Amino acid sequence: AVADHLRPPLTTVGQPMRDLGAAAVHAVLTRLG
């Protein structure tokens, strides 16, 4: 979130960090099923 507020704003690569955590939990639940 801080990347857009730097001076100058930071060019970067967006990775879906929350989606990573969610996908990992979904994978655990799939394996349980």
Full PDB file with SEQRES, HELIX, SHEET, SSBOND, CRYST1, ORIGX, SCALE, CONECT and MASTER records, all heavy atoms in Angstrom:
SEQRES   1 A   33  ALA VAL ALA ASP HIS LEU ARG PRO PRO LEU THR THR VAL          
SEQRES   2 A   33  GLY GLN PRO MET ARG ASP LEU GLY ALA ALA ALA VAL HIS          
SEQRES   3 A   33  ALA VAL LEU THR ARG LEU GLY                                  
HELIX    1 AA1 VAL A    2  HIS A    5  5                                   4    
HELIX    2 AA2 MET A   17  LEU A   32  1                                  16    
CRYST1    1.000    1.000    1.000  90.00  90.00  90.00 P 1           1          
ORIGX1      1.000000  0.000000  0.000000        0.00000                         
ORIGX2      0.000000  1.000000  0.000000        0.00000                         
ORIGX3      0.000000  0.000000  1.000000        0.00000                         
SCALE1      1.000000  0.000000  0.000000        0.00000                         
SCALE2      0.000000  1.000000  0.000000        0.00000                         
SCALE3      0.000000  0.000000  1.000000        0.00000                         
ATOM      1  N   ALA A   1       0.820  -1.213   0.000  1.00  0.00           N  
ATOM      2  CA  ALA A   1       0.000   0.000   0.000  1.00  0.00           C  
ATOM      3  C   ALA A   1       0.855   1.265   0.000  1.00  0.00           C  
ATOM      4  O   ALA A   1       0.496   2.274  -0.612  1.00  0.00           O  
ATOM      5  CB  ALA A   1      -0.936  -0.014   1.210  1.00  0.00           C  
ATOM      6  N   VAL A   2       2.013   1.215   0.661  1.00  0.00           N  
ATOM      7  CA  VAL A   2       2.870   2.396   0.759  1.00  0.00           C  
ATOM      8  C   VAL A   2       3.463   2.785  -0.591  1.00  0.00           C  
ATOM      9  O   VAL A   2       3.842   3.952  -0.795  1.00  0.00           O  
ATOM     10  CB  VAL A   2       4.001   2.141   1.777  1.00  0.00           C  
ATOM     11  CG1 VAL A   2       4.984   1.101   1.260  1.00  0.00           C  
ATOM     12  CG2 VAL A   2       4.721   3.424   2.151  1.00  0.00           C  
ATOM     13  N   ALA A   3       3.539   1.864  -1.538  1.00  0.00           N  
ATOM     14  CA  ALA A   3       4.218   2.132  -2.809  1.00  0.00           C  
ATOM     15  C   ALA A   3       3.616   3.302  -3.567  1.00  0.00           C  
ATOM     16  O   ALA A   3       4.324   4.062  -4.235  1.00  0.00           O  
ATOM     17  CB  ALA A   3       4.195   0.878  -3.692  1.00  0.00           C  
ATOM     18  N   ASP A   4       2.315   3.479  -3.462  1.00  0.00           N  
ATOM     19  CA  ASP A   4       1.650   4.556  -4.194  1.00  0.00           C  
ATOM     20  C   ASP A   4       1.805   5.908  -3.500  1.00  0.00           C  
ATOM     21  O   ASP A   4       1.476   6.941  -4.069  1.00  0.00           O  
ATOM     22  CB  ASP A   4       0.160   4.222  -4.362  1.00  0.00           C  
ATOM     23  CG  ASP A   4      -0.523   5.074  -5.417  1.00  0.00           C  
ATOM     24  OD1 ASP A   4       0.145   5.445  -6.404  1.00  0.00           O  
ATOM     25  OD2 ASP A   4      -1.720   5.370  -5.265  1.00  0.00           O  
ATOM     26  N   HIS A   5       2.310   5.891  -2.260  1.00  0.00           N  
ATOM     27  CA  HIS A   5       2.416   7.129  -1.488  1.00  0.00           C  
ATOM     28  C   HIS A   5       3.855   7.626  -1.348  1.00  0.00           C  
ATOM     29  O   HIS A   5       4.093   8.638  -0.687  1.00  0.00           O  
ATOM     30  CB  HIS A   5       1.796   6.925  -0.106  1.00  0.00           C  
ATOM     31  CG  HIS A   5       0.353   6.516  -0.146  1.00  0.00           C  
ATOM     32  ND1 HIS A   5      -0.656   7.394  -0.456  1.00  0.00           N  
ATOM     33  CD2 HIS A   5      -0.233   5.302   0.030  1.00  0.00           C  
ATOM     34  CE1 HIS A   5      -1.817   6.754  -0.443  1.00  0.00           C  
ATOM     35  NE2 HIS A   5      -1.593   5.490  -0.159  1.00  0.00           N  
ATOM     36  N   LEU A   6       4.790   6.912  -1.941  1.00  0.00           N  
ATOM     37  CA  LEU A   6       6.178   7.358  -1.912  1.00  0.00           C  
ATOM     38  C   LEU A   6       6.361   8.524  -2.872  1.00  0.00           C  
ATOM     39  O   LEU A   6       5.535   8.771  -3.744  1.00  0.00           O  
ATOM     40  CB  LEU A   6       7.107   6.200  -2.297  1.00  0.00           C  
ATOM     41  CG  LEU A   6       7.077   4.975  -1.381  1.00  0.00           C  
ATOM     42  CD1 LEU A   6       7.961   3.875  -1.946  1.00  0.00           C  
ATOM     43  CD2 LEU A   6       7.536   5.353   0.024  1.00  0.00           C  
ATOM     44  N   ARG A   7       7.464   9.224  -2.720  1.00  0.00           N  
ATOM     45  CA  ARG A   7       7.784  10.323  -3.638  1.00  0.00           C  
ATOM     46  C   ARG A   7       9.161  10.082  -4.223  1.00  0.00           C  
ATOM     47  O   ARG A   7      10.153  10.210  -3.527  1.00  0.00           O  
ATOM     48  CB  ARG A   7       7.730  11.675  -2.914  1.00  0.00           C  
ATOM     49  CG  ARG A   7       6.324  12.061  -2.529  1.00  0.00           C  
ATOM     50  CD  ARG A   7       5.481  12.319  -3.786  1.00  0.00           C  
ATOM     51  NE  ARG A   7       4.081  12.619  -3.470  1.00  0.00           N  
ATOM     52  CZ  ARG A   7       3.109  11.720  -3.412  1.00  0.00           C  
ATOM     53  NH1 ARG A   7       3.389  10.458  -3.646  1.00  0.00           N  
ATOM     54  NH2 ARG A   7       1.886  12.069  -3.130  1.00  0.00           N  
ATOM     55  N   PRO A   8       9.243   9.673  -5.513  1.00  0.00           N  
ATOM     56  CA  PRO A   8       8.111   9.465  -6.414  1.00  0.00           C  
ATOM     57  C   PRO A   8       7.398   8.135  -6.140  1.00  0.00           C  
ATOM     58  O   PRO A   8       7.994   7.229  -5.547  1.00  0.00           O  
ATOM     59  CB  PRO A   8       8.787   9.427  -7.792  1.00  0.00           C  
ATOM     60  CG  PRO A   8      10.143   8.856  -7.500  1.00  0.00           C  
ATOM     61  CD  PRO A   8      10.543   9.428  -6.177  1.00  0.00           C  
ATOM     62  N   PRO A   9       6.125   8.020  -6.586  1.00  0.00           N  
ATOM     63  CA  PRO A   9       5.423   6.739  -6.442  1.00  0.00           C  
ATOM     64  C   PRO A   9       6.198   5.618  -7.127  1.00  0.00           C  
ATOM     65  O   PRO A   9       6.819   5.818  -8.167  1.00  0.00           O  
ATOM     66  CB  PRO A   9       4.077   6.996  -7.130  1.00  0.00           C  
ATOM     67  CG  PRO A   9       3.900   8.479  -7.055  1.00  0.00           C  
ATOM     68  CD  PRO A   9       5.285   9.054  -7.198  1.00  0.00           C  
ATOM     69  N   LEU A  10       6.158   4.444  -6.521  1.00  0.00           N  
ATOM     70  CA  LEU A  10       7.039   3.346  -6.908  1.00  0.00           C  
ATOM     71  C   LEU A  10       6.457   2.456  -8.000  1.00  0.00           C  
ATOM     72  O   LEU A  10       5.365   1.900  -7.863  1.00  0.00           O  
ATOM     73  CB  LEU A  10       7.348   2.486  -5.678  1.00  0.00           C  
ATOM     74  CG  LEU A  10       8.340   1.337  -5.853  1.00  0.00           C  
ATOM     75  CD1 LEU A  10       9.733   1.877  -6.149  1.00  0.00           C  
ATOM     76  CD2 LEU A  10       8.350   0.466  -4.601  1.00  0.00           C  
ATOM     77  N   THR A  11       7.212   2.299  -9.084  1.00  0.00           N  
ATOM     78  CA  THR A  11       6.893   1.284 -10.085  1.00  0.00           C  
ATOM     79  C   THR A  11       7.258  -0.076  -9.501  1.00  0.00           C  
ATOM     80  O   THR A  11       8.337  -0.250  -8.933  1.00  0.00           O  
ATOM     81  CB  THR A  11       7.685   1.533 -11.379  1.00  0.00           C  
ATOM     82  OG1 THR A  11       7.185   2.718 -12.003  1.00  0.00           O  
ATOM     83  CG2 THR A  11       7.542   0.363 -12.347  1.00  0.00           C  
ATOM     84  N   THR A  12       6.361  -1.041  -9.635  1.00  0.00           N  
ATOM     85  CA  THR A  12       6.556  -2.309  -8.947  1.00  0.00           C  
ATOM     86  C   THR A  12       5.787  -3.420  -9.652  1.00  0.00           C  
ATOM     87  O   THR A  12       5.231  -3.206 -10.734  1.00  0.00           O  
ATOM     88  CB  THR A  12       6.109  -2.165  -7.466  1.00  0.00           C  
ATOM     89  OG1 THR A  12       6.379  -3.373  -6.766  1.00  0.00           O  
ATOM     90  CG2 THR A  12       4.637  -1.827  -7.359  1.00  0.00           C  
ATOM     91  N   VAL A  13       5.772  -4.576  -9.048  1.00  0.00           N  
ATOM     92  CA  VAL A  13       4.981  -5.709  -9.533  1.00  0.00           C  
ATOM     93  C   VAL A  13       3.965  -6.058  -8.455  1.00  0.00           C  
ATOM     94  O   VAL A  13       4.336  -6.279  -7.294  1.00  0.00           O  
ATOM     95  CB  VAL A  13       5.865  -6.933  -9.829  1.00  0.00           C  
ATOM     96  CG1 VAL A  13       5.015  -8.147 -10.209  1.00  0.00           C  
ATOM     97  CG2 VAL A  13       6.846  -6.616 -10.959  1.00  0.00           C  
ATOM     98  N   GLY A  14       2.707  -6.083  -8.840  1.00  0.00           N  
ATOM     99  CA  GLY A  14       1.663  -6.421  -7.879  1.00  0.00           C  
ATOM    100  C   GLY A  14       1.502  -7.930  -7.776  1.00  0.00           C  
ATOM    101  O   GLY A  14       1.275  -8.600  -8.776  1.00  0.00           O  
ATOM    102  N   GLN A  15       1.653  -8.432  -6.556  1.00  0.00           N  
ATOM    103  CA  GLN A  15       1.354  -9.844  -6.352  1.00  0.00           C  
ATOM    104  C   GLN A  15       0.164  -9.944  -5.390  1.00  0.00           C  
ATOM    105  O   GLN A  15       0.048  -9.152  -4.460  1.00  0.00           O  
ATOM    106  CB  GLN A  15       2.550 -10.612  -5.811  1.00  0.00           C  
ATOM    107  CG  GLN A  15       3.022 -10.231  -4.415  1.00  0.00           C  
ATOM    108  CD  GLN A  15       3.867 -11.334  -3.799  1.00  0.00           C  
ATOM    109  OE1 GLN A  15       3.545 -12.505  -3.900  1.00  0.00           O  
ATOM    110  NE2 GLN A  15       4.966 -10.950  -3.155  1.00  0.00           N  
ATOM    111  N   PRO A  16      -0.723 -10.902  -5.603  1.00  0.00           N  
ATOM    112  CA  PRO A  16      -1.951 -11.000  -4.797  1.00  0.00           C  
ATOM    113  C   PRO A  16      -1.689 -11.662  -3.453  1.00  0.00           C  
ATOM    114  O   PRO A  16      -1.969 -12.845  -3.251  1.00  0.00           O  
ATOM    115  CB  PRO A  16      -2.863 -11.855  -5.689  1.00  0.00           C  
ATOM    116  CG  PRO A  16      -1.914 -12.752  -6.426  1.00  0.00           C  
ATOM    117  CD  PRO A  16      -0.679 -11.919  -6.666  1.00  0.00           C  
ATOM    118  N   MET A  17      -1.157 -10.903  -2.497  1.00  0.00           N  
ATOM    119  CA  MET A  17      -0.715 -11.478  -1.233  1.00  0.00           C  
ATOM    120  C   MET A  17      -1.869 -12.090  -0.436  1.00  0.00           C  
ATOM    121  O   MET A  17      -1.739 -13.189   0.121  1.00  0.00           O  
ATOM    122  CB  MET A  17       0.011 -10.412  -0.415  1.00  0.00           C  
ATOM    123  CG  MET A  17       1.342  -9.999  -1.026  1.00  0.00           C  
ATOM    124  SD  MET A  17       2.115  -8.570  -0.224  1.00  0.00           S  
ATOM    125  CE  MET A  17       1.127  -7.224  -0.886  1.00  0.00           C  
ATOM    126  N   ARG A  18      -2.993 -11.381  -0.361  1.00  0.00           N  
ATOM    127  CA  ARG A  18      -4.133 -11.954   0.358  1.00  0.00           C  
ATOM    128  C   ARG A  18      -4.693 -13.176  -0.361  1.00  0.00           C  
ATOM    129  O   ARG A  18      -5.119 -14.133   0.278  1.00  0.00           O  
ATOM    130  CB  ARG A  18      -5.219 -10.896   0.553  1.00  0.00           C  
ATOM    131  CG  ARG A  18      -4.795  -9.772   1.479  1.00  0.00           C  
ATOM    132  CD  ARG A  18      -5.971  -8.957   1.963  1.00  0.00           C  
ATOM    133  NE  ARG A  18      -5.534  -7.853   2.795  1.00  0.00           N  
ATOM    134  CZ  ARG A  18      -6.342  -7.100   3.536  1.00  0.00           C  
ATOM    135  NH1 ARG A  18      -7.646  -7.341   3.533  1.00  0.00           N  
ATOM    136  NH2 ARG A  18      -5.866  -6.123   4.266  1.00  0.00           N  
ATOM    137  N   ASP A  19      -4.683 -13.133  -1.674  1.00  0.00           N  
ATOM    138  CA  ASP A  19      -5.151 -14.296  -2.440  1.00  0.00           C  
ATOM    139  C   ASP A  19      -4.254 -15.507  -2.203  1.00  0.00           C  
ATOM    140  O   ASP A  19      -4.715 -16.649  -2.255  1.00  0.00           O  
ATOM    141  CB  ASP A  19      -5.187 -13.967  -3.937  1.00  0.00           C  
ATOM    142  CG  ASP A  19      -6.297 -12.998  -4.294  1.00  0.00           C  
ATOM    143  OD1 ASP A  19      -7.173 -12.763  -3.436  1.00  0.00           O  
ATOM    144  OD2 ASP A  19      -6.289 -12.478  -5.424  1.00  0.00           O  
ATOM    145  N   LEU A  20      -2.963 -15.263  -1.973  1.00  0.00           N  
ATOM    146  CA  LEU A  20      -2.048 -16.364  -1.653  1.00  0.00           C  
ATOM    147  C   LEU A  20      -2.507 -17.101  -0.390  1.00  0.00           C  
ATOM    148  O   LEU A  20      -2.603 -18.336  -0.367  1.00  0.00           O  
ATOM    149  CB  LEU A  20      -0.637 -15.820  -1.420  1.00  0.00           C  
ATOM    150  CG  LEU A  20       0.330 -15.768  -2.588  1.00  0.00           C  
ATOM    151  CD1 LEU A  20       1.603 -15.050  -2.155  1.00  0.00           C  
ATOM    152  CD2 LEU A  20       0.656 -17.153  -3.092  1.00  0.00           C  
ATOM    153  N   GLY A  21      -2.763 -16.326   0.664  1.00  0.00           N  
ATOM    154  CA  GLY A  21      -3.215 -16.932   1.911  1.00  0.00           C  
ATOM    155  C   GLY A  21      -4.532 -17.653   1.752  1.00  0.00           C  
ATOM    156  O   GLY A  21      -4.724 -18.763   2.257  1.00  0.00           O  
ATOM    157  N   ALA A  22      -5.463 -17.014   1.024  1.00  0.00           N  
ATOM    158  CA  ALA A  22      -6.777 -17.628   0.812  1.00  0.00           C  
ATOM    159  C   ALA A  22      -6.659 -18.914  -0.001  1.00  0.00           C  
ATOM    160  O   ALA A  22      -7.287 -19.931   0.316  1.00  0.00           O  
ATOM    161  CB  ALA A  22      -7.704 -16.636   0.114  1.00  0.00           C  
ATOM    162  N   ALA A  23      -5.851 -18.882  -1.056  1.00  0.00           N  
ATOM    163  CA  ALA A  23      -5.695 -20.063  -1.907  1.00  0.00           C  
ATOM    164  C   ALA A  23      -5.075 -21.219  -1.129  1.00  0.00           C  
ATOM    165  O   ALA A  23      -5.420 -22.390  -1.336  1.00  0.00           O  
ATOM    166  CB  ALA A  23      -4.838 -19.722  -3.125  1.00  0.00           C  
ATOM    167  N   ALA A  24      -4.161 -20.908  -0.230  1.00  0.00           N  
ATOM    168  CA  ALA A  24      -3.525 -21.951   0.571  1.00  0.00           C  
ATOM    169  C   ALA A  24      -4.536 -22.620   1.498  1.00  0.00           C  
ATOM    170  O   ALA A  24      -4.553 -23.847   1.642  1.00  0.00           O  
ATOM    171  CB  ALA A  24      -2.370 -21.369   1.373  1.00  0.00           C  
ATOM    172  N   VAL A  25      -5.383 -21.825   2.138  1.00  0.00           N  
ATOM    173  CA  VAL A  25      -6.420 -22.393   3.009  1.00  0.00           C  
ATOM    174  C   VAL A  25      -7.405 -23.231   2.195  1.00  0.00           C  
ATOM    175  O   VAL A  25      -7.800 -24.329   2.603  1.00  0.00           O  
ATOM    176  CB  VAL A  25      -7.154 -21.279   3.784  1.00  0.00           C  
ATOM    177  CG1 VAL A  25      -8.415 -21.823   4.465  1.00  0.00           C  
ATOM    178  CG2 VAL A  25      -6.231 -20.663   4.818  1.00  0.00           C  
ATOM    179  N   HIS A  26      -7.797 -22.717   1.026  1.00  0.00           N  
ATOM    180  CA  HIS A  26      -8.706 -23.487   0.163  1.00  0.00           C  
ATOM    181  C   HIS A  26      -8.077 -24.829  -0.217  1.00  0.00           C  
ATOM    182  O   HIS A  26      -8.771 -25.854  -0.288  1.00  0.00           O  
ATOM    183  CB  HIS A  26      -9.048 -22.692  -1.094  1.00  0.00           C  
ATOM    184  CG  HIS A  26      -9.958 -21.531  -0.858  1.00  0.00           C  
ATOM    185  ND1 HIS A  26     -11.086 -21.629  -0.086  1.00  0.00           N  
ATOM    186  CD2 HIS A  26      -9.906 -20.241  -1.298  1.00  0.00           C  
ATOM    187  CE1 HIS A  26     -11.697 -20.446  -0.046  1.00  0.00           C  
ATOM    188  NE2 HIS A  26     -11.004 -19.596  -0.766  1.00  0.00           N  
ATOM    189  N   ALA A  27      -6.762 -24.831  -0.462  1.00  0.00           N  
ATOM    190  CA  ALA A  27      -6.082 -26.076  -0.828  1.00  0.00           C  
ATOM    191  C   ALA A  27      -6.103 -27.072   0.332  1.00  0.00           C  
ATOM    192  O   ALA A  27      -6.282 -28.278   0.126  1.00  0.00           O  
ATOM    193  CB  ALA A  27      -4.648 -25.784  -1.261  1.00  0.00           C  
ATOM    194  N   VAL A  28      -5.927 -26.560   1.558  1.00  0.00           N  
ATOM    195  CA  VAL A  28      -6.010 -27.430   2.733  1.00  0.00           C  
ATOM    196  C   VAL A  28      -7.406 -28.040   2.841  1.00  0.00           C  
ATOM    197  O   VAL A  28      -7.570 -29.249   3.054  1.00  0.00           O  
ATOM    198  CB  VAL A  28      -5.671 -26.649   4.019  1.00  0.00           C  
ATOM    199  CG1 VAL A  28      -6.075 -27.457   5.255  1.00  0.00           C  
ATOM    200  CG2 VAL A  28      -4.190 -26.326   4.079  1.00  0.00           C  
ATOM    201  N   LEU A  29      -8.434 -27.206   2.683  1.00  0.00           N  
ATOM    202  CA  LEU A  29      -9.809 -27.686   2.815  1.00  0.00           C  
ATOM    203  C   LEU A  29     -10.167 -28.670   1.701  1.00  0.00           C  
ATOM    204  O   LEU A  29     -10.897 -29.639   1.930  1.00  0.00           O  
ATOM    205  CB  LEU A  29     -10.779 -26.494   2.802  1.00  0.00           C  
ATOM    206  CG  LEU A  29     -10.590 -25.495   3.957  1.00  0.00           C  
ATOM    207  CD1 LEU A  29     -11.556 -24.332   3.820  1.00  0.00           C  
ATOM    208  CD2 LEU A  29     -10.777 -26.179   5.314  1.00  0.00           C  
ATOM    209  N   THR A  30      -9.641 -28.433   0.515  1.00  0.00           N  
ATOM    210  CA  THR A  30      -9.865 -29.375  -0.595  1.00  0.00           C  
ATOM    211  C   THR A  30      -9.254 -30.730  -0.273  1.00  0.00           C  
ATOM    212  O   THR A  30      -9.851 -31.780  -0.517  1.00  0.00           O  
ATOM    213  CB  THR A  30      -9.258 -28.822  -1.896  1.00  0.00           C  
ATOM    214  OG1 THR A  30      -9.924 -27.611  -2.247  1.00  0.00           O  
ATOM    215  CG2 THR A  30      -9.403 -29.819  -3.037  1.00  0.00           C  
ATOM    216  N   ARG A  31      -8.039 -30.697   0.292  1.00  0.00           N  
ATOM    217  CA  ARG A  31      -7.374 -31.946   0.647  1.00  0.00           C  
ATOM    218  C   ARG A  31      -8.131 -32.682   1.745  1.00  0.00           C  
ATOM    219  O   ARG A  31      -8.217 -33.904   1.753  1.00  0.00           O  
ATOM    220  CB  ARG A  31      -5.944 -31.639   1.094  1.00  0.00           C  
ATOM    221  CG  ARG A  31      -5.109 -32.846   1.451  1.00  0.00           C  
ATOM    222  CD  ARG A  31      -4.865 -33.750   0.288  1.00  0.00           C  
ATOM    223  NE  ARG A  31      -4.218 -33.069  -0.825  1.00  0.00           N  
ATOM    224  CZ  ARG A  31      -4.053 -33.594  -2.030  1.00  0.00           C  
ATOM    225  NH1 ARG A  31      -4.517 -34.804  -2.275  1.00  0.00           N  
ATOM    226  NH2 ARG A  31      -3.467 -32.923  -3.000  1.00  0.00           N  
ATOM    227  N   LEU A  32      -8.726 -31.937   2.686  1.00  0.00           N  
ATOM    228  CA  LEU A  32      -9.531 -32.561   3.734  1.00  0.00           C  
ATOM    229  C   LEU A  32     -10.759 -33.248   3.157  1.00  0.00           C  
ATOM    230  O   LEU A  32     -11.189 -34.297   3.636  1.00  0.00           O  
ATOM    231  CB  LEU A  32      -9.972 -31.505   4.757  1.00  0.00           C  
ATOM    232  CG  LEU A  32      -8.909 -31.031   5.749  1.00  0.00           C  
ATOM    233  CD1 LEU A  32      -9.397 -29.810   6.499  1.00  0.00           C  
ATOM    234  CD2 LEU A  32      -8.550 -32.146   6.718  1.00  0.00           C  
ATOM    235  N   GLY A  33     -11.310 -32.641   2.106  1.00  0.00           N  
ATOM    236  CA  GLY A  33     -12.493 -33.215   1.483  1.00  0.00           C  
ATOM    237  C   GLY A  33     -12.200 -34.422   0.628  1.00  0.00           C  
ATOM    238  O   GLY A  33     -13.081 -35.252   0.380  1.00  0.00           O  
TER     239      GLY A  33                                                      
MASTER        0    0    0    2    0    0    0    6  238    1    0    3          
END                                                                             
